[in-house]
Amino acid sequence: MDFYAHVYTLSEDKLIAEIEKLNKQLFKLNPSSPMYNQLLNMIDTARNAHAEMIYASRFKNQEDKIIEIGTIEEHIVTPDYSKQELLLAIVEQYTNKEKE
């Protein structure tokens, strides 16, 4: 089992203990050692797993809430224009554009 899968199967207490163990090992290493970066990545993976565990437990029992903000009423008015009124409105629209 790789480290990622191992870390995500641990309980919270064991995960915190794993992070502490990795930190102790990190402090013993020389920063120029290639193992130093590998341990940093392992600690980062363990911390991410812990953060996800905390977020999951925090939001586990929360319910989605719907906020009632009011109602909307729709009122449609369709005027009944005669053909003559429509023709006059179109002609007036085009003749007024020349003045602008």
N, C-alpha and C. Protein backbone atom coordinates (compact mmCIF):
# COMPACT_ATOMS: atom_id res chain seq x y z
N MET A 1 0.85 -1.17 0.00
CA MET A 1 0.00 0.00 0.00
C MET A 1 0.90 1.24 0.00
N ASP A 2 0.60 2.19 -0.88
CA ASP A 2 1.41 3.39 -0.91
C ASP A 2 1.06 4.32 0.25
N PHE A 3 1.88 5.33 0.44
CA PHE A 3 1.72 6.20 1.60
C PHE A 3 0.40 6.97 1.54
N TYR A 4 0.01 7.41 0.35
CA TYR A 4 -1.24 8.16 0.20
C TYR A 4 -2.43 7.34 0.69
N ALA A 5 -2.53 6.11 0.24
CA ALA A 5 -3.63 5.24 0.66
C ALA A 5 -3.54 4.93 2.15
N HIS A 6 -2.32 4.75 2.62
CA HIS A 6 -2.12 4.46 4.05
C HIS A 6 -2.63 5.61 4.92
N VAL A 7 -2.27 6.83 4.54
CA VAL A 7 -2.64 8.01 5.32
C VAL A 7 -4.16 8.21 5.33
N TYR A 8 -4.82 7.98 4.21
CA TYR A 8 -6.26 8.21 4.13
C TYR A 8 -7.08 7.13 4.80
N THR A 9 -6.43 6.02 5.22
CA THR A 9 -7.17 4.98 5.94
C THR A 9 -7.01 5.11 7.45
N LEU A 10 -6.13 6.00 7.91
CA LEU A 10 -5.89 6.15 9.35
C LEU A 10 -7.01 6.93 10.02
N SER A 11 -7.17 6.68 11.32
CA SER A 11 -8.11 7.50 12.11
C SER A 11 -7.42 8.82 12.43
N GLU A 12 -8.18 9.75 12.97
CA GLU A 12 -7.62 11.08 13.23
C GLU A 12 -6.47 11.04 14.24
N ASP A 13 -6.62 10.27 15.30
CA ASP A 13 -5.56 10.17 16.31
C ASP A 13 -4.29 9.57 15.72
N LYS A 14 -4.44 8.50 14.96
CA LYS A 14 -3.29 7.85 14.35
C LYS A 14 -2.64 8.75 13.30
N LEU A 15 -3.46 9.53 12.61
CA LEU A 15 -2.93 10.45 11.60
C LEU A 15 -2.10 11.55 12.24
N ILE A 16 -2.56 12.09 13.36
CA ILE A 16 -1.79 13.11 14.07
C ILE A 16 -0.49 12.52 14.58
N ALA A 17 -0.54 11.29 15.08
CA ALA A 17 0.68 10.62 15.55
C ALA A 17 1.65 10.39 14.38
N GLU A 18 1.12 10.07 13.22
CA GLU A 18 1.96 9.87 12.02
C GLU A 18 2.64 11.17 11.61
N ILE A 19 1.91 12.27 11.66
CA ILE A 19 2.49 13.58 11.32
C ILE A 19 3.60 13.93 12.30
N GLU A 20 3.37 13.69 13.59
CA GLU A 20 4.41 13.97 14.61
C GLU A 20 5.64 13.09 14.36
N LYS A 21 5.43 11.83 14.03
CA LYS A 21 6.54 10.92 13.78
C LYS A 21 7.36 11.39 12.57
N LEU A 22 6.66 11.82 11.52
CA LEU A 22 7.35 12.31 10.33
C LEU A 22 8.12 13.59 10.61
N ASN A 23 7.54 14.46 11.43
CA ASN A 23 8.24 15.70 11.79
C ASN A 23 9.51 15.41 12.59
N LYS A 24 9.46 14.45 13.50
CA LYS A 24 10.65 14.09 14.27
C LYS A 24 11.73 13.54 13.35
N GLN A 25 11.34 12.71 12.37
CA GLN A 25 12.31 12.18 11.42
C GLN A 25 12.89 13.29 10.55
N LEU A 26 12.06 14.27 10.21
CA LEU A 26 12.51 15.38 9.37
C LEU A 26 13.58 16.20 10.08
N PHE A 27 13.39 16.43 11.39
CA PHE A 27 14.35 17.25 12.13
C PHE A 27 15.70 16.56 12.28
N LYS A 28 15.72 15.25 12.17
CA LYS A 28 16.98 14.50 12.27
C LYS A 28 17.78 14.53 10.97
N LEU A 29 17.10 14.83 9.86
CA LEU A 29 17.76 14.77 8.55
C LEU A 29 18.47 16.07 8.21
N ASN A 30 19.46 15.93 7.36
CA ASN A 30 20.17 17.08 6.80
C ASN A 30 19.29 17.67 5.69
N PRO A 31 19.06 18.98 5.66
CA PRO A 31 18.20 19.59 4.63
C PRO A 31 18.68 19.37 3.20
N SER A 32 19.94 19.05 3.01
CA SER A 32 20.45 18.83 1.66
C SER A 32 20.23 17.38 1.20
N SER A 33 19.75 16.54 2.09
CA SER A 33 19.51 15.14 1.76
C SER A 33 18.28 15.00 0.86
N PRO A 34 18.31 14.07 -0.11
CA PRO A 34 17.13 13.85 -0.96
C PRO A 34 15.93 13.32 -0.16
N MET A 35 16.19 12.66 0.94
CA MET A 35 15.11 12.15 1.79
C MET A 35 14.35 13.30 2.47
N TYR A 36 15.01 14.43 2.63
CA TYR A 36 14.39 15.59 3.28
C TYR A 36 13.16 16.04 2.49
N ASN A 37 13.31 16.19 1.17
CA ASN A 37 12.17 16.61 0.33
C ASN A 37 11.08 15.55 0.30
N GLN A 38 11.49 14.29 0.31
CA GLN A 38 10.50 13.22 0.32
C GLN A 38 9.68 13.25 1.62
N LEU A 39 10.34 13.48 2.74
CA LEU A 39 9.61 13.58 4.01
C LEU A 39 8.71 14.81 4.03
N LEU A 40 9.16 15.91 3.45
CA LEU A 40 8.31 17.10 3.37
C LEU A 40 7.03 16.79 2.58
N ASN A 41 7.18 16.07 1.48
CA ASN A 41 6.00 15.70 0.69
C ASN A 41 5.08 14.75 1.46
N MET A 42 5.66 13.85 2.21
CA MET A 42 4.85 12.92 3.01
C MET A 42 4.09 13.68 4.09
N ILE A 43 4.75 14.63 4.74
CA ILE A 43 4.09 15.45 5.77
C ILE A 43 2.95 16.25 5.14
N ASP A 44 3.21 16.80 3.97
CA ASP A 44 2.17 17.58 3.28
C ASP A 44 0.96 16.71 2.94
N THR A 45 1.21 15.50 2.49
CA THR A 45 0.13 14.56 2.18
C THR A 45 -0.67 14.23 3.44
N ALA A 46 0.03 13.99 4.54
CA ALA A 46 -0.65 13.66 5.80
C ALA A 46 -1.46 14.85 6.30
N ARG A 47 -0.92 16.05 6.17
CA ARG A 47 -1.66 17.25 6.61
C ARG A 47 -2.91 17.48 5.75
N ASN A 48 -2.77 17.24 4.46
CA ASN A 48 -3.95 17.37 3.58
C ASN A 48 -5.02 16.36 3.95
N ALA A 49 -4.61 15.15 4.25
CA ALA A 49 -5.57 14.12 4.67
C ALA A 49 -6.27 14.54 5.97
N HIS A 50 -5.50 15.12 6.89
CA HIS A 50 -6.08 15.57 8.15
C HIS A 50 -7.06 16.72 7.93
N ALA A 51 -6.68 17.66 7.06
CA ALA A 51 -7.57 18.78 6.77
C ALA A 51 -8.87 18.30 6.13
N GLU A 52 -8.78 17.35 5.20
CA GLU A 52 -9.99 16.80 4.58
C GLU A 52 -10.85 16.08 5.60
N MET A 53 -10.20 15.40 6.53
CA MET A 53 -10.95 14.69 7.57
C MET A 53 -11.71 15.68 8.45
N ILE A 54 -11.07 16.79 8.78
CA ILE A 54 -11.72 17.81 9.62
C ILE A 54 -12.88 18.44 8.86
N TYR A 55 -12.67 18.80 7.58
CA TYR A 55 -13.75 19.40 6.78
C TYR A 55 -14.92 18.44 6.64
N ALA A 56 -14.62 17.19 6.40
CA ALA A 56 -15.69 16.20 6.23
C ALA A 56 -16.50 16.05 7.51
N SER A 57 -15.82 16.03 8.66
CA SER A 57 -16.56 15.88 9.91
C SER A 57 -17.35 17.15 10.25
N ARG A 58 -16.85 18.29 9.83
CA ARG A 58 -17.53 19.56 10.12
C ARG A 58 -18.81 19.69 9.30
N PHE A 59 -18.77 19.26 8.06
CA PHE A 59 -19.92 19.45 7.18
C PHE A 59 -20.75 18.18 7.02
N LYS A 60 -20.45 17.16 7.77
CA LYS A 60 -21.13 15.88 7.63
C LYS A 60 -22.61 15.96 7.98
N ASN A 61 -22.95 16.61 9.06
CA ASN A 61 -24.33 16.63 9.54
C ASN A 61 -25.08 17.92 9.20
N GLN A 62 -24.48 18.77 8.40
CA GLN A 62 -25.19 20.00 8.06
C GLN A 62 -26.16 19.74 6.92
N GLU A 63 -27.30 20.39 7.01
CA GLU A 63 -28.33 20.26 5.99
C GLU A 63 -28.35 21.51 5.13
N ASP A 64 -28.72 21.33 3.88
CA ASP A 64 -28.89 22.48 3.01
C ASP A 64 -30.14 23.23 3.43
N LYS A 65 -30.03 24.53 3.50
CA LYS A 65 -31.17 25.35 3.90
C LYS A 65 -31.61 26.21 2.72
N ILE A 66 -32.90 26.30 2.55
CA ILE A 66 -33.46 27.13 1.49
C ILE A 66 -33.99 28.40 2.13
N ILE A 67 -33.58 29.52 1.59
CA ILE A 67 -34.01 30.81 2.11
C ILE A 67 -35.16 31.31 1.25
N GLU A 68 -36.27 31.60 1.89
CA GLU A 68 -37.43 32.12 1.17
C GLU A 68 -37.25 33.63 1.03
N ILE A 69 -37.12 34.10 -0.21
CA ILE A 69 -36.88 35.52 -0.42
C ILE A 69 -38.10 36.24 -0.98
N GLY A 70 -39.17 35.55 -1.17
CA GLY A 70 -40.39 36.19 -1.64
C GLY A 70 -40.93 35.50 -2.88
N THR A 71 -41.96 36.12 -3.43
CA THR A 71 -42.59 35.56 -4.62
C THR A 71 -42.56 36.59 -5.74
N ILE A 72 -42.72 36.10 -6.94
CA ILE A 72 -42.73 36.97 -8.11
C ILE A 72 -44.06 36.77 -8.82
N GLU A 73 -44.69 37.88 -9.12
CA GLU A 73 -45.94 37.82 -9.87
C GLU A 73 -45.68 38.29 -11.29
N GLU A 74 -46.29 37.60 -12.23
CA GLU A 74 -46.10 37.94 -13.63
C GLU A 74 -47.41 38.51 -14.17
N HIS A 75 -47.30 39.67 -14.76
CA HIS A 75 -48.47 40.32 -15.34
C HIS A 75 -48.10 40.76 -16.74
N ILE A 76 -48.70 40.13 -17.74
CA ILE A 76 -48.36 40.43 -19.13
C ILE A 76 -49.50 41.22 -19.76
N VAL A 77 -49.12 42.33 -20.37
CA VAL A 77 -50.10 43.16 -21.07
C VAL A 77 -49.72 43.18 -22.54
N THR A 78 -50.60 42.71 -23.37
CA THR A 78 -50.36 42.76 -24.81
C THR A 78 -51.38 43.72 -25.43
N PRO A 79 -50.89 44.85 -25.86
CA PRO A 79 -51.81 45.81 -26.47
C PRO A 79 -52.31 45.31 -27.83
N ASP A 80 -53.50 45.68 -28.15
CA ASP A 80 -54.10 45.26 -29.42
C ASP A 80 -54.11 46.47 -30.34
N TYR A 81 -53.06 46.59 -31.15
CA TYR A 81 -52.96 47.72 -32.07
C TYR A 81 -53.60 47.36 -33.40
N SER A 82 -54.18 48.35 -34.00
CA SER A 82 -54.73 48.15 -35.35
C SER A 82 -53.58 48.28 -36.36
N LYS A 83 -53.81 47.84 -37.58
CA LYS A 83 -52.79 47.92 -38.62
C LYS A 83 -52.42 49.38 -38.89
N GLN A 84 -53.39 50.25 -38.82
CA GLN A 84 -53.15 51.68 -39.06
C GLN A 84 -52.24 52.26 -37.99
N GLU A 85 -52.47 51.90 -36.72
CA GLU A 85 -51.64 52.41 -35.63
C GLU A 85 -50.19 51.91 -35.75
N LEU A 86 -50.02 50.65 -36.12
CA LEU A 86 -48.68 50.10 -36.31
C LEU A 86 -47.95 50.79 -37.45
N LEU A 87 -48.64 51.03 -38.55
CA LEU A 87 -48.02 51.69 -39.70
C LEU A 87 -47.59 53.10 -39.33
N LEU A 88 -48.44 53.83 -38.62
CA LEU A 88 -48.09 55.19 -38.20
C LEU A 88 -46.90 55.20 -37.25
N ALA A 89 -46.84 54.23 -36.32
CA ALA A 89 -45.73 54.16 -35.38
C ALA A 89 -44.41 53.88 -36.10
N ILE A 90 -44.43 53.01 -37.10
CA ILE A 90 -43.21 52.70 -37.86
C ILE A 90 -42.77 53.90 -38.69
N VAL A 91 -43.69 54.54 -39.34
CA VAL A 91 -43.37 55.71 -40.16
C VAL A 91 -42.81 56.81 -39.28
N GLU A 92 -43.42 57.03 -38.14
CA GLU A 92 -42.96 58.07 -37.23
C GLU A 92 -41.55 57.77 -36.71
N GLN A 93 -41.27 56.51 -36.47
CA GLN A 93 -39.95 56.11 -35.99
C GLN A 93 -38.87 56.45 -37.02
N TYR A 94 -39.15 56.14 -38.29
CA TYR A 94 -38.16 56.41 -39.33
C TYR A 94 -38.04 57.90 -39.62
N THR A 95 -39.11 58.64 -39.55
CA THR A 95 -39.04 60.08 -39.84
C THR A 95 -38.37 60.84 -38.72
N ASN A 96 -38.47 60.38 -37.49
CA ASN A 96 -37.82 61.05 -36.35
C ASN A 96 -36.31 60.81 -36.34
N LYS A 97 -35.84 59.74 -36.95
CA LYS A 97 -34.40 59.45 -36.96
C LYS A 97 -33.65 60.44 -37.82
N GLU A 98 -34.28 60.98 -38.84
CA GLU A 98 -33.62 61.93 -39.70
C GLU A 98 -33.34 63.24 -38.97
N LYS A 99 -34.17 63.58 -37.98
CA LYS A 99 -34.00 64.82 -37.23
C LYS A 99 -32.84 64.72 -36.24
N GLU A 100 -32.52 63.54 -35.79
CA GLU A 100 -31.44 63.33 -34.81
C GLU A 100 -30.15 63.38 -35.49
